[in-house]
PDB file of N, CA and C in Angstrom:
ATOM      1  N   UNK A   1     -39.187 -28.965  89.111  1.00  0.00           N
ATOM      2  CA  UNK A   1     -38.705 -28.071  89.963  1.00  0.00           C
ATOM      3  C   UNK A   1     -38.352 -28.493  91.296  1.00  0.00           C
ATOM      4  N   UNK A   2     -37.113 -28.127  91.775  1.00  0.00           N
ATOM      5  CA  UNK A   2     -36.569 -28.646  93.109  1.00  0.00           C
ATOM      6  C   UNK A   2     -37.534 -28.125  94.264  1.00  0.00           C
ATOM      7  N   UNK A   3     -37.249 -28.649  95.350  1.00  0.00           N
ATOM      8  CA  UNK A   3     -37.999 -28.366  96.607  1.00  0.00           C
ATOM      9  C   UNK A   3     -37.710 -26.873  96.871  1.00  0.00           C
ATOM     10  N   UNK A   4     -36.397 -26.466  96.745  1.00  0.00           N
ATOM     11  CA  UNK A   4     -36.095 -25.022  97.169  1.00  0.00           C
ATOM     12  C   UNK A   4     -36.737 -24.131  96.242  1.00  0.00           C
ATOM     13  N   UNK A   5     -36.750 -24.370  94.894  1.00  0.00           N
ATOM     14  CA  UNK A   5     -37.317 -23.572  93.883  1.00  0.00           C
ATOM     15  C   UNK A   5     -38.788 -23.471  94.110  1.00  0.00           C
ATOM     16  N   UNK A   6     -39.500 -24.643  94.533  1.00  0.00           N
ATOM     17  CA  UNK A   6     -40.870 -24.660  94.824  1.00  0.00           C
ATOM     18  C   UNK A   6     -41.196 -23.728  95.918  1.00  0.00           C
ATOM     19  N   UNK A   7     -40.401 -23.800  97.105  1.00  0.00           N
ATOM     20  CA  UNK A   7     -40.538 -22.993  98.238  1.00  0.00           C
ATOM     21  C   UNK A   7     -40.467 -21.596  97.827  1.00  0.00           C
ATOM     22  N   UNK A   8     -39.505 -21.251  97.141  1.00  0.00           N
ATOM     23  CA  UNK A   8     -39.357 -19.736  96.637  1.00  0.00           C
ATOM     24  C   UNK A   8     -40.673 -19.374  95.778  1.00  0.00           C
ATOM     25  N   UNK A   9     -41.236 -20.067  94.934  1.00  0.00           N
ATOM     26  CA  UNK A   9     -42.292 -19.818  94.128  1.00  0.00           C
ATOM     27  C   UNK A   9     -43.432 -19.717  95.016  1.00  0.00           C
ATOM     28  N   UNK A  10     -43.721 -20.662  95.910  1.00  0.00           N
ATOM     29  CA  UNK A  10     -44.872 -20.610  96.748  1.00  0.00           C
ATOM     30  C   UNK A  10     -44.861 -19.246  97.623  1.00  0.00           C
ATOM     31  N   UNK A  11     -43.640 -18.882  98.108  1.00  0.00           N
ATOM     32  CA  UNK A  11     -43.624 -17.487  98.838  1.00  0.00           C
ATOM     33  C   UNK A  11     -43.944 -16.500  98.031  1.00  0.00           C
ATOM     34  N   UNK A  12     -43.493 -16.524  96.764  1.00  0.00           N
ATOM     35  CA  UNK A  12     -43.718 -15.296  95.857  1.00  0.00           C
ATOM     36  C   UNK A  12     -45.259 -15.368  95.565  1.00  0.00           C
ATOM     37  N   UNK A  13     -45.815 -16.430  95.274  1.00  0.00           N
ATOM     38  CA  UNK A  13     -47.359 -16.424  95.062  1.00  0.00           C
ATOM     39  C   UNK A  13     -48.059 -15.828  96.248  1.00  0.00           C
ATOM     40  N   UNK A  14     -47.617 -16.346  97.458  1.00  0.00           N
ATOM     41  CA  UNK A  14     -48.382 -15.776  98.611  1.00  0.00           C
ATOM     42  C   UNK A  14     -48.299 -14.371  98.696  1.00  0.00           C
ATOM     43  N   UNK A  15     -47.065 -13.719  98.439  1.00  0.00           N
ATOM     44  CA  UNK A  15     -46.722 -12.275  98.430  1.00  0.00           C
ATOM     45  C   UNK A  15     -47.574 -11.652  97.391  1.00  0.00           C
ATOM     46  N   UNK A  16     -47.760 -12.299  96.220  1.00  0.00           N
ATOM     47  CA  UNK A  16     -48.594 -11.732  95.020  1.00  0.00           C
ATOM     48  C   UNK A  16     -49.941 -11.618  95.514  1.00  0.00           C
ATOM     49  N   UNK A  17     -50.520 -12.633  96.206  1.00  0.00           N
ATOM     50  CA  UNK A  17     -51.899 -12.666  96.737  1.00  0.00           C
ATOM     51  C   UNK A  17     -52.148 -11.559  97.725  1.00  0.00           C
ATOM     52  N   UNK A  18     -51.151 -11.265  98.603  1.00  0.00           N
ATOM     53  CA  UNK A  18     -51.191 -10.191  99.608  1.00  0.00           C
ATOM     54  C   UNK A  18     -51.216  -8.886  98.793  1.00  0.00           C
ATOM     55  N   UNK A  19     -50.413  -8.816  97.758  1.00  0.00           N
ATOM     56  CA  UNK A  19     -50.299  -7.536  96.832  1.00  0.00           C
ATOM     57  C   UNK A  19     -51.700  -7.306  96.246  1.00  0.00           C
ATOM     58  N   UNK A  20     -52.364  -8.321  95.729  1.00  0.00           N
ATOM     59  CA  UNK A  20     -53.691  -8.239  95.141  1.00  0.00           C
ATOM     60  C   UNK A  20     -54.698  -7.675  96.178  1.00  0.00           C
ATOM     61  N   UNK A  21     -54.602  -8.279  97.301  1.00  0.00           N
ATOM     62  CA  UNK A  21     -55.582  -7.879  98.449  1.00  0.00           C
ATOM     63  C   UNK A  21     -55.277  -6.434  98.903  1.00  0.00           C
ATOM     64  N   UNK A  22     -54.119  -5.992  98.909  1.00  0.00           N
ATOM     65  CA  UNK A  22     -53.586  -4.581  99.171  1.00  0.00           C
ATOM     66  C   UNK A  22     -54.295  -3.659  98.170  1.00  0.00           C
ATOM     67  N   UNK A  23     -54.072  -4.074  96.842  1.00  0.00           N
ATOM     68  CA  UNK A  23     -54.567  -3.130  95.725  1.00  0.00           C
ATOM     69  C   UNK A  23     -56.132  -3.197  95.789  1.00  0.00           C
ATOM     70  N   UNK A  24     -56.774  -4.270  96.185  1.00  0.00           N
ATOM     71  CA  UNK A  24     -58.183  -4.332  96.289  1.00  0.00           C
ATOM     72  C   UNK A  24     -58.765  -3.410  97.326  1.00  0.00           C
ATOM     73  N   UNK A  25     -58.078  -3.440  98.477  1.00  0.00           N
ATOM     74  CA  UNK A  25     -58.339  -2.522  99.616  1.00  0.00           C
ATOM     75  C   UNK A  25     -58.318  -1.057  99.192  1.00  0.00           C
ATOM     76  N   UNK A  26     -57.390  -0.620  98.425  1.00  0.00           N
ATOM     77  CA  UNK A  26     -57.159   0.772  97.999  1.00  0.00           C
ATOM     78  C   UNK A  26     -57.883   1.138  96.875  1.00  0.00           C
ATOM     79  N   UNK A  27     -58.149   0.182  95.914  1.00  0.00           N
ATOM     80  CA  UNK A  27     -58.914   0.391  94.626  1.00  0.00           C
ATOM     81  C   UNK A  27     -59.447  -0.736  94.039  1.00  0.00           C
ATOM     82  N   UNK A  28     -60.503  -1.220  94.714  1.00  0.00           N
ATOM     83  CA  UNK A  28     -61.098  -2.499  94.234  1.00  0.00           C
ATOM     84  C   UNK A  28     -61.554  -2.374  92.795  1.00  0.00           C
ATOM     85  N   UNK A  29     -61.941  -1.196  92.298  1.00  0.00           N
ATOM     86  CA  UNK A  29     -62.582  -0.894  91.072  1.00  0.00           C
ATOM     87  C   UNK A  29     -61.524  -0.990  89.893  1.00  0.00           C
ATOM     88  N   UNK A  30     -60.121  -0.818  90.262  1.00  0.00           N
ATOM     89  CA  UNK A  30     -59.147  -0.795  89.323  1.00  0.00           C
ATOM     90  C   UNK A  30     -58.937  -2.090  88.555  1.00  0.00           C
ATOM     91  N   UNK A  31     -58.726  -1.986  87.283  1.00  0.00           N
ATOM     92  CA  UNK A  31     -58.432  -3.291  86.509  1.00  0.00           C
ATOM     93  C   UNK A  31     -57.078  -3.801  86.806  1.00  0.00           C
ATOM     94  N   UNK A  32     -57.105  -5.039  87.127  1.00  0.00           N
ATOM     95  CA  UNK A  32     -55.803  -5.825  87.427  1.00  0.00           C
ATOM     96  C   UNK A  32     -55.313  -6.476  86.197  1.00  0.00           C
ATOM     97  N   UNK A  33     -56.069  -7.091  85.383  1.00  0.00           N
ATOM     98  CA  UNK A  33     -55.769  -7.718  84.116  1.00  0.00           C
ATOM     99  C   UNK A  33     -56.793  -7.623  83.184  1.00  0.00           C
ATOM    100  N   UNK A  34     -56.531  -7.895  81.860  1.00  0.00           N
ATOM    101  CA  UNK A  34     -57.402  -7.872  80.773  1.00  0.00           C
ATOM    102  C   UNK A  34     -57.235  -8.934  79.952  1.00  0.00           C
ATOM    103  N   UNK A  35     -58.174  -9.504  79.293  1.00  0.00           N
ATOM    104  CA  UNK A  35     -58.030 -10.694  78.132  1.00  0.00           C
ATOM    105  C   UNK A  35     -59.288 -10.564  77.341  1.00  0.00           C
ATOM    106  N   UNK A  36     -59.026 -10.413  76.064  1.00  0.00           N
ATOM    107  CA  UNK A  36     -60.138 -10.258  75.103  1.00  0.00           C
ATOM    108  C   UNK A  36     -61.176  -9.232  75.634  1.00  0.00           C
ATOM    109  N   UNK A  37     -62.300  -9.448  75.921  1.00  0.00           N
ATOM    110  CA  UNK A  37     -63.282  -8.593  76.423  1.00  0.00           C
ATOM    111  C   UNK A  37     -63.469  -8.525  77.725  1.00  0.00           C
ATOM    112  N   UNK A  38     -62.622  -9.243  78.560  1.00  0.00           N
ATOM    113  CA  UNK A  38     -62.790  -9.374  79.964  1.00  0.00           C
ATOM    114  C   UNK A  38     -61.736  -8.337  80.665  1.00  0.00           C
ATOM    115  N   UNK A  39     -62.141  -7.640  81.601  1.00  0.00           N
ATOM    116  CA  UNK A  39     -61.555  -6.703  82.502  1.00  0.00           C
ATOM    117  C   UNK A  39     -61.726  -7.071  83.865  1.00  0.00           C
ATOM    118  N   UNK A  40     -60.615  -7.580  84.484  1.00  0.00           N
ATOM    119  CA  UNK A  40     -60.751  -8.143  85.777  1.00  0.00           C
ATOM    120  C   UNK A  40     -60.200  -7.177  86.790  1.00  0.00           C
ATOM    121  N   UNK A  41     -61.131  -6.738  87.787  1.00  0.00           N
ATOM    122  CA  UNK A  41     -60.863  -5.706  88.714  1.00  0.00           C
ATOM    123  C   UNK A  41     -60.015  -6.481  89.891  1.00  0.00           C
ATOM    124  N   UNK A  42     -59.313  -5.668  90.673  1.00  0.00           N
ATOM    125  CA  UNK A  42     -58.665  -6.220  91.850  1.00  0.00           C
ATOM    126  C   UNK A  42     -59.651  -6.642  92.821  1.00  0.00           C
ATOM    127  N   UNK A  43     -60.795  -5.989  93.079  1.00  0.00           N
ATOM    128  CA  UNK A  43     -61.787  -6.515  93.869  1.00  0.00           C
ATOM    129  C   UNK A  43     -62.379  -7.838  93.572  1.00  0.00           C
ATOM    130  N   UNK A  44     -62.817  -8.044  92.310  1.00  0.00           N
ATOM    131  CA  UNK A  44     -63.200  -9.286  91.809  1.00  0.00           C
ATOM    132  C   UNK A  44     -62.237 -10.477  91.926  1.00  0.00           C
ATOM    133  N   UNK A  45     -60.878 -10.047  91.589  1.00  0.00           N
ATOM    134  CA  UNK A  45     -59.893 -11.047  91.620  1.00  0.00           C
ATOM    135  C   UNK A  45     -59.667 -11.598  93.132  1.00  0.00           C
ATOM    136  N   UNK A  46     -59.537 -10.443  94.070  1.00  0.00           N
ATOM    137  CA  UNK A  46     -59.364 -10.767  95.422  1.00  0.00           C
ATOM    138  C   UNK A  46     -60.512 -11.817  95.951  1.00  0.00           C
ATOM    139  N   UNK A  47     -61.799 -11.472  95.596  1.00  0.00           N
ATOM    140  CA  UNK A  47     -62.868 -12.220  96.125  1.00  0.00           C
ATOM    141  C   UNK A  47     -62.768 -13.616  95.500  1.00  0.00           C
ATOM    142  N   UNK A  48     -62.423 -13.741  94.276  1.00  0.00           N
ATOM    143  CA  UNK A  48     -62.244 -15.136  93.721  1.00  0.00           C
ATOM    144  C   UNK A  48     -61.145 -15.917  94.272  1.00  0.00           C
ATOM    145  N   UNK A  49     -60.043 -15.217  94.582  1.00  0.00           N
ATOM    146  CA  UNK A  49     -58.908 -15.952  95.064  1.00  0.00           C
ATOM    147  C   UNK A  49     -59.434 -16.450  96.460  1.00  0.00           C
ATOM    148  N   UNK A  50     -60.058 -15.560  97.271  1.00  0.00           N
ATOM    149  CA  UNK A  50     -60.417 -16.109  98.615  1.00  0.00           C
ATOM    150  C   UNK A  50     -61.412 -17.381  98.429  1.00  0.00           C
ATOM    151  N   UNK A  51     -62.386 -17.185  97.611  1.00  0.00           N
ATOM    152  CA  UNK A  51     -63.321 -18.402  97.292  1.00  0.00           C
ATOM    153  C   UNK A  51     -62.572 -19.556  96.979  1.00  0.00           C
ATOM    154  N   UNK A  52     -61.631 -19.454  95.934  1.00  0.00           N
ATOM    155  CA  UNK A  52     -60.859 -20.684  95.364  1.00  0.00           C
ATOM    156  C   UNK A  52     -60.021 -21.165  96.609  1.00  0.00           C
ATOM    157  N   UNK A  53     -59.381 -20.298  97.327  1.00  0.00           N
ATOM    158  CA  UNK A  53     -58.573 -20.715  98.505  1.00  0.00           C
ATOM    159  C   UNK A  53     -59.146 -21.683  99.313  1.00  0.00           C
ATOM    160  N   UNK A  54     -60.419 -21.433  99.824  1.00  0.00           N
ATOM    161  CA  UNK A  54     -61.172 -22.328 100.534  1.00  0.00           C
ATOM    162  C   UNK A  54     -61.407 -23.781  99.758  1.00  0.00           C
ATOM    163  N   UNK A  55     -61.683 -23.666  98.575  1.00  0.00           N
ATOM    164  CA  UNK A  55     -61.873 -25.011  97.767  1.00  0.00           C
ATOM    165  C   UNK A  55     -60.556 -25.756  97.679  1.00  0.00           C
ATOM    166  N   UNK A  56     -59.558 -25.184  97.307  1.00  0.00           N
ATOM    167  CA  UNK A  56     -58.255 -25.798  96.984  1.00  0.00           C
ATOM    168  C   UNK A  56     -57.621 -26.346  98.267  1.00  0.00           C
ATOM    169  N   UNK A  57     -57.765 -25.513  99.390  1.00  0.00           N
ATOM    170  CA  UNK A  57     -57.396 -25.906 100.676  1.00  0.00           C
ATOM    171  C   UNK A  57     -57.852 -27.076 101.179  1.00  0.00           C
ATOM    172  N   UNK A  58     -59.231 -27.510 100.904  1.00  0.00           N
ATOM    173  CA  UNK A  58     -59.860 -28.749 101.445  1.00  0.00           C
ATOM    174  C   UNK A  58     -59.298 -29.923 100.636  1.00  0.00           C
ATOM    175  N   UNK A  59     -58.707 -29.614  99.449  1.00  0.00           N
ATOM    176  CA  UNK A  59     -58.118 -30.673  98.519  1.00  0.00           C
ATOM    177  C   UNK A  59     -56.617 -30.819  98.716  1.00  0.00           C
ATOM    178  N   UNK A  60     -56.036 -30.018  99.506  1.00  0.00           N
ATOM    179  CA  UNK A  60     -54.588 -30.157  99.765  1.00  0.00           C
ATOM    180  C   UNK A  60     -53.922 -29.394  98.494  1.00  0.00           C
ATOM    181  N   UNK A  61     -54.553 -28.545  97.772  1.00  0.00           N
ATOM    182  CA  UNK A  61     -53.898 -27.958  96.720  1.00  0.00           C
ATOM    183  C   UNK A  61     -53.169 -26.661  96.982  1.00  0.00           C
ATOM    184  N   UNK A  62     -52.358 -26.000  96.131  1.00  0.00           N
ATOM    185  CA  UNK A  62     -51.644 -24.906  96.364  1.00  0.00           C
ATOM    186  C   UNK A  62     -52.355 -23.605  96.156  1.00  0.00           C
ATOM    187  N   UNK A  63     -51.874 -22.541  96.841  1.00  0.00           N
ATOM    188  CA  UNK A  63     -52.237 -21.253  96.616  1.00  0.00           C
ATOM    189  C   UNK A  63     -52.267 -20.917  95.093  1.00  0.00           C
ATOM    190  N   UNK A  64     -51.252 -21.302  94.450  1.00  0.00           N
ATOM    191  CA  UNK A  64     -51.208 -20.938  93.045  1.00  0.00           C
ATOM    192  C   UNK A  64     -52.440 -21.588  92.270  1.00  0.00           C
ATOM    193  N   UNK A  65     -52.762 -22.684  92.734  1.00  0.00           N
ATOM    194  CA  UNK A  65     -54.035 -23.225  92.140  1.00  0.00           C
ATOM    195  C   UNK A  65     -55.252 -22.252  92.355  1.00  0.00           C
ATOM    196  N   UNK A  66     -55.313 -21.720  93.476  1.00  0.00           N
ATOM    197  CA  UNK A  66     -56.395 -20.794  93.756  1.00  0.00           C
ATOM    198  C   UNK A  66     -56.323 -19.589  92.887  1.00  0.00           C
ATOM    199  N   UNK A  67     -55.113 -18.990  92.803  1.00  0.00           N
ATOM    200  CA  UNK A  67     -54.891 -17.955  91.831  1.00  0.00           C
ATOM    201  C   UNK A  67     -55.352 -18.246  90.394  1.00  0.00           C
ATOM    202  N   UNK A  68     -54.832 -19.389  89.854  1.00  0.00           N
ATOM    203  CA  UNK A  68     -55.125 -19.835  88.593  1.00  0.00           C
ATOM    204  C   UNK A  68     -56.740 -20.002  88.437  1.00  0.00           C
ATOM    205  N   UNK A  69     -57.355 -20.654  89.261  1.00  0.00           N
ATOM    206  CA  UNK A  69     -58.805 -20.837  89.355  1.00  0.00           C
ATOM    207  C   UNK A  69     -59.443 -19.426  89.406  1.00  0.00           C
ATOM    208  N   UNK A  70     -59.006 -18.526  90.187  1.00  0.00           N
ATOM    209  CA  UNK A  70     -59.632 -17.233  90.216  1.00  0.00           C
ATOM    210  C   UNK A  70     -59.521 -16.496  88.931  1.00  0.00           C
ATOM    211  N   UNK A  71     -58.343 -16.551  88.259  1.00  0.00           N
ATOM    212  CA  UNK A  71     -58.120 -15.949  86.967  1.00  0.00           C
ATOM    213  C   UNK A  71     -59.094 -16.473  85.825  1.00  0.00           C
ATOM    214  N   UNK A  72     -59.156 -17.913  85.961  1.00  0.00           N
ATOM    215  CA  UNK A  72     -60.136 -18.523  84.957  1.00  0.00           C
ATOM    216  C   UNK A  72     -61.524 -18.143  85.243  1.00  0.00           C
ATOM    217  N   UNK A  73     -61.903 -17.974  86.567  1.00  0.00           N
ATOM    218  CA  UNK A  73     -63.377 -17.657  86.780  1.00  0.00           C
ATOM    219  C   UNK A  73     -63.617 -16.195  86.443  1.00  0.00           C
ATOM    220  N   UNK A  74     -62.648 -15.181  86.692  1.00  0.00           N
ATOM    221  CA  UNK A  74     -62.959 -13.931  86.481  1.00  0.00           C
ATOM    222  C   UNK A  74     -62.825 -13.427  84.951  1.00  0.00           C
ATOM    223  N   UNK A  75     -62.061 -14.184  84.242  1.00  0.00           N
ATOM    224  CA  UNK A  75     -61.744 -13.936  82.841  1.00  0.00           C
ATOM    225  C   UNK A  75     -62.242 -15.232  81.979  1.00  0.00           C
ATOM    226  N   UNK A  76     -63.530 -15.246  81.900  1.00  0.00           N
ATOM    227  CA  UNK A  76     -64.122 -16.498  81.263  1.00  0.00           C
ATOM    228  C   UNK A  76     -63.633 -16.644  79.717  1.00  0.00           C
ATOM    229  N   UNK A  77     -63.220 -15.691  79.152  1.00  0.00           N
ATOM    230  CA  UNK A  77     -62.658 -15.940  77.788  1.00  0.00           C
ATOM    231  C   UNK A  77     -61.576 -16.838  77.724  1.00  0.00           C
ATOM    232  N   UNK A  78     -60.891 -16.910  78.802  1.00  0.00           N
ATOM    233  CA  UNK A  78     -59.633 -17.947  78.829  1.00  0.00           C
ATOM    234  C   UNK A  78     -60.101 -19.292  78.571  1.00  0.00           C
ATOM    235  N   UNK A  79     -61.322 -19.717  78.877  1.00  0.00           N
ATOM    236  CA  UNK A  79     -61.697 -21.012  78.626  1.00  0.00           C
ATOM    237  C   UNK A  79     -61.783 -21.463  77.206  1.00  0.00           C
ATOM    238  N   UNK A  80     -62.084 -20.371  76.295  1.00  0.00           N
ATOM    239  CA  UNK A  80     -62.071 -20.574  74.897  1.00  0.00           C
ATOM    240  C   UNK A  80     -60.711 -20.893  74.350  1.00  0.00           C
ATOM    241  N   UNK A  81     -59.628 -20.838  74.861  1.00  0.00           N
ATOM    242  CA  UNK A  81     -58.214 -20.978  74.387  1.00  0.00           C
ATOM    243  C   UNK A  81     -57.946 -22.430  74.448  1.00  0.00           C
ATOM    244  N   UNK A  82     -57.028 -22.755  73.478  1.00  0.00           N
ATOM    245  CA  UNK A  82     -56.396 -24.105  73.529  1.00  0.00           C
ATOM    246  C   UNK A  82     -55.728 -24.135  74.857  1.00  0.00           C
ATOM    247  N   UNK A  83     -55.487 -25.397  75.397  1.00  0.00           N
ATOM    248  CA  UNK A  83     -54.886 -25.679  76.807  1.00  0.00           C
ATOM    249  C   UNK A  83     -53.521 -24.922  76.824  1.00  0.00           C
ATOM    250  N   UNK A  84     -52.682 -25.180  75.768  1.00  0.00           N
ATOM    251  CA  UNK A  84     -51.216 -24.629  75.868  1.00  0.00           C
ATOM    252  C   UNK A  84     -51.243 -23.125  75.825  1.00  0.00           C
ATOM    253  N   UNK A  85     -52.131 -22.562  75.097  1.00  0.00           N
ATOM    254  CA  UNK A  85     -52.187 -21.128  74.897  1.00  0.00           C
ATOM    255  C   UNK A  85     -52.881 -20.546  76.227  1.00  0.00           C
ATOM    256  N   UNK A  86     -53.787 -21.175  76.804  1.00  0.00           N
ATOM    257  CA  UNK A  86     -54.393 -20.801  78.121  1.00  0.00           C
ATOM    258  C   UNK A  86     -53.310 -20.813  79.132  1.00  0.00           C
ATOM    259  N   UNK A  87     -52.437 -21.794  79.264  1.00  0.00           N
ATOM    260  CA  UNK A  87     -51.574 -21.806  80.256  1.00  0.00           C
ATOM    261  C   UNK A  87     -50.506 -20.656  80.074  1.00  0.00           C
ATOM    262  N   UNK A  88     -50.187 -20.347  78.865  1.00  0.00           N
ATOM    263  CA  UNK A  88     -49.251 -19.299  78.536  1.00  0.00           C
ATOM    264  C   UNK A  88     -49.828 -18.009  78.914  1.00  0.00           C
ATOM    265  N   UNK A  89     -51.214 -17.769  78.487  1.00  0.00           N
ATOM    266  CA  UNK A  89     -51.829 -16.478  78.917  1.00  0.00           C
ATOM    267  C   UNK A  89     -51.894 -16.356  80.483  1.00  0.00           C
ATOM    268  N   UNK A  90     -52.445 -17.511  81.250  1.00  0.00           N
ATOM    269  CA  UNK A  90     -52.398 -17.300  82.623  1.00  0.00           C
ATOM    270  C   UNK A  90     -51.059 -17.004  83.242  1.00  0.00           C
ATOM    271  N   UNK A  91     -49.985 -17.526  82.728  1.00  0.00           N
ATOM    272  CA  UNK A  91     -48.695 -17.311  83.056  1.00  0.00           C
ATOM    273  C   UNK A  91     -48.311 -15.912  82.949  1.00  0.00           C
ATOM    274  N   UNK A  92     -48.703 -15.395  81.814  1.00  0.00           N
ATOM    275  CA  UNK A  92     -48.403 -13.904  81.613  1.00  0.00           C
ATOM    276  C   UNK A  92     -49.125 -12.938  82.484  1.00  0.00           C
ATOM    277  N   UNK A  93     -50.374 -13.386  82.823  1.00  0.00           N
ATOM    278  CA  UNK A  93     -51.323 -12.575  83.765  1.00  0.00           C
ATOM    279  C   UNK A  93     -50.631 -12.658  85.079  1.00  0.00           C
ATOM    280  N   UNK A  94     -50.130 -13.699  85.483  1.00  0.00           N
ATOM    281  CA  UNK A  94     -49.471 -13.872  86.879  1.00  0.00           C
ATOM    282  C   UNK A  94     -48.258 -12.974  86.957  1.00  0.00           C
ATOM    283  N   UNK A  95     -47.585 -13.080  85.832  1.00  0.00           N
ATOM    284  CA  UNK A  95     -46.317 -12.246  85.792  1.00  0.00           C
ATOM    285  C   UNK A  95     -46.592 -10.781  85.867  1.00  0.00           C
ATOM    286  N   UNK A  96     -47.656 -10.318  85.163  1.00  0.00           N
ATOM    287  CA  UNK A  96     -48.022  -9.038  85.022  1.00  0.00           C
ATOM    288  C   UNK A  96     -48.514  -8.469  86.509  1.00  0.00           C
ATOM    289  N   UNK A  97     -49.429  -9.469  87.004  1.00  0.00           N
ATOM    290  CA  UNK A  97     -49.749  -9.068  88.353  1.00  0.00           C
ATOM    291  C   UNK A  97     -48.618  -8.880  89.388  1.00  0.00           C
ATOM    292  N   UNK A  98     -47.570  -9.773  89.257  1.00  0.00           N
ATOM    293  CA  UNK A  98     -46.533  -9.672  90.121  1.00  0.00           C
ATOM    294  C   UNK A  98     -45.268  -8.902  89.715  1.00  0.00           C
ATOM    295  N   UNK A  99     -45.529  -8.081  88.812  1.00  0.00           N
ATOM    296  CA  UNK A  99     -44.405  -7.215  88.326  1.00  0.00           C
ATOM    297  C   UNK A  99     -43.836  -6.231  89.436  1.00  0.00           C
ATOM    298  N   UNK A 100     -44.651  -5.921  90.322  1.00  0.00           N
ATOM    299  CA  UNK A 100     -44.163  -4.958  91.466  1.00  0.00           C
ATOM    300  C   UNK A 100     -43.854  -5.919  92.697  1.00  0.00           C
ATOM    301  N   UNK A 101     -43.998  -7.217  92.704  1.00  0.00           N
ATOM    302  CA  UNK A 101     -43.765  -7.945  93.785  1.00  0.00           C
ATOM    303  C   UNK A 101     -42.268  -8.347  93.852  1.00  0.00           C
ATOM    304  N   UNK A 102     -41.560  -8.146  94.924  1.00  0.00           N
ATOM    305  CA  UNK A 102     -40.187  -8.456  95.033  1.00  0.00           C
ATOM    306  C   UNK A 102     -40.048 -10.011  94.829  1.00  0.00           C
ATOM    307  N   UNK A 103     -38.937 -10.551  94.306  1.00  0.00           N
ATOM    308  CA  UNK A 103     -38.775 -11.946  94.355  1.00  0.00           C
ATOM    309  C   UNK A 103     -38.503 -12.353  95.787  1.00  0.00           C
ATOM    310  N   UNK A 104     -39.027 -13.577  96.056  1.00  0.00           N
ATOM    311  CA  UNK A 104     -38.865 -14.106  97.348  1.00  0.00           C
ATOM    312  C   UNK A 104     -37.353 -14.454  97.483  1.00  0.00           C
ATOM    313  N   UNK A 105     -36.990 -14.263  98.839  1.00  0.00           N
ATOM    314  CA  UNK A 105     -35.551 -14.496  99.100  1.00  0.00           C
ATOM    315  C   UNK A 105     -35.383 -16.069  99.001  1.00  0.00           C
ATOM    316  N   UNK A 106     -34.145 -16.473  98.609  1.00  0.00           N
ATOM    317  CA  UNK A 106     -33.697 -17.875  98.503  1.00  0.00           C
ATOM    318  C   UNK A 106     -33.935 -18.574  99.794  1.00  0.00           C
ATOM    319  N   UNK A 107     -34.439 -19.722  99.796  1.00  0.00           N
ATOM    320  CA  UNK A 107     -34.512 -20.580 101.037  1.00  0.00           C
ATOM    321  C   UNK A 107     -33.216 -21.045 101.169  1.00  0.00           C
ATOM    322  N   UNK A 108     -32.767 -20.949 102.416  1.00  0.00           N
ATOM    323  CA  UNK A 108     -31.428 -21.498 102.796  1.00  0.00           C
ATOM    324  C   UNK A 108     -31.489 -22.741 103.612  1.00  0.00           C
ATOM    325  N   UNK A 109     -30.664 -23.430 103.626  1.00  0.00           N
ATOM    326  CA  UNK A 109     -30.552 -24.710 104.298  1.00  0.00           C
ATOM    327  C   UNK A 109     -30.287 -24.440 105.758  1.00  0.00           C
ATOM    328  N   UNK A 110     -30.672 -25.209 106.647  1.00  0.00           N
ATOM    329  CA  UNK A 110     -30.408 -25.023 108.077  1.00  0.00           C
ATOM    330  C   UNK A 110     -28.890 -25.074 108.335  1.00  0.00           C
ATOM    331  N   UNK A 111     -28.395 -24.145 109.245  1.00  0.00           N
ATOM    332  CA  UNK A 111     -26.969 -24.235 109.424  1.00  0.00           C
ATOM    333  C   UNK A 111     -26.584 -25.666 110.081  1.00  0.00           C
ATOM    334  N   UNK A 112     -25.360 -25.931 109.699  1.00  0.00           N
ATOM    335  CA  UNK A 112     -24.876 -27.284 110.201  1.00  0.00           C
ATOM    336  C   UNK A 112     -24.062 -27.132 111.451  1.00  0.00           C
ATOM    337  N   UNK A 113     -24.070 -28.090 112.176  1.00  0.00           N
ATOM    338  CA  UNK A 113     -23.376 -28.117 113.490  1.00  0.00           C
ATOM    339  C   UNK A 113     -21.911 -28.497 113.115  1.00  0.00           C
ATOM    340  N   UNK A 114     -20.973 -27.903 113.852  1.00  0.00           N
ATOM    341  CA  UNK A 114     -19.632 -28.336 113.736  1.00  0.00           C
ATOM    342  C   UNK A 114     -18.920 -28.310 115.202  1.00  0.00           C
ATOM    343  N   UNK A 115     -18.024 -29.132 115.237  1.00  0.00           N
ATOM    344  CA  UNK A 115     -17.329 -29.197 116.573  1.00  0.00           C
ATOM    345  C   UNK A 115     -16.097 -28.324 116.560  1.00  0.00           C
ATOM    346  N   UNK A 116     -15.830 -27.723 117.713  1.00  0.00           N
ATOM    347  CA  UNK A 116     -14.755 -26.691 117.875  1.00  0.00           C
ATOM    348  C   UNK A 116     -13.806 -27.441 118.878  1.00  0.00           C
ATOM    349  N   UNK A 117     -12.659 -27.526 118.535  1.00  0.00           N
ATOM    350  CA  UNK A 117     -11.796 -28.247 119.605  1.00  0.00           C
ATOM    351  C   UNK A 117     -10.529 -27.471 119.905  1.00  0.00           C
TER     352      UNK A 117
END
């Protein structure tokens, strides 16, 4: 993934985490995602994101790592899946959570200087 694409993804993940926090504030009891027998509420997901955000931040990891860790923590049935399937399911959960989050605007390069004569 290029630097620009990664910056766009990082912004979208940040917006998604804000969206989860907003949903938690208005309805922490509401189910955010489900997997097998696990029903993850917005409140539990927000709390886990905040906990993992502190952990990954001290190791220089991304907010997306915190979100992934939070999903694995709050939906323990994910651990029983094969790695490729687990990655696919977590990706589907993130897409589902972000279905109402607008795509991050493209990151544009800094304007270039030009001489006028």
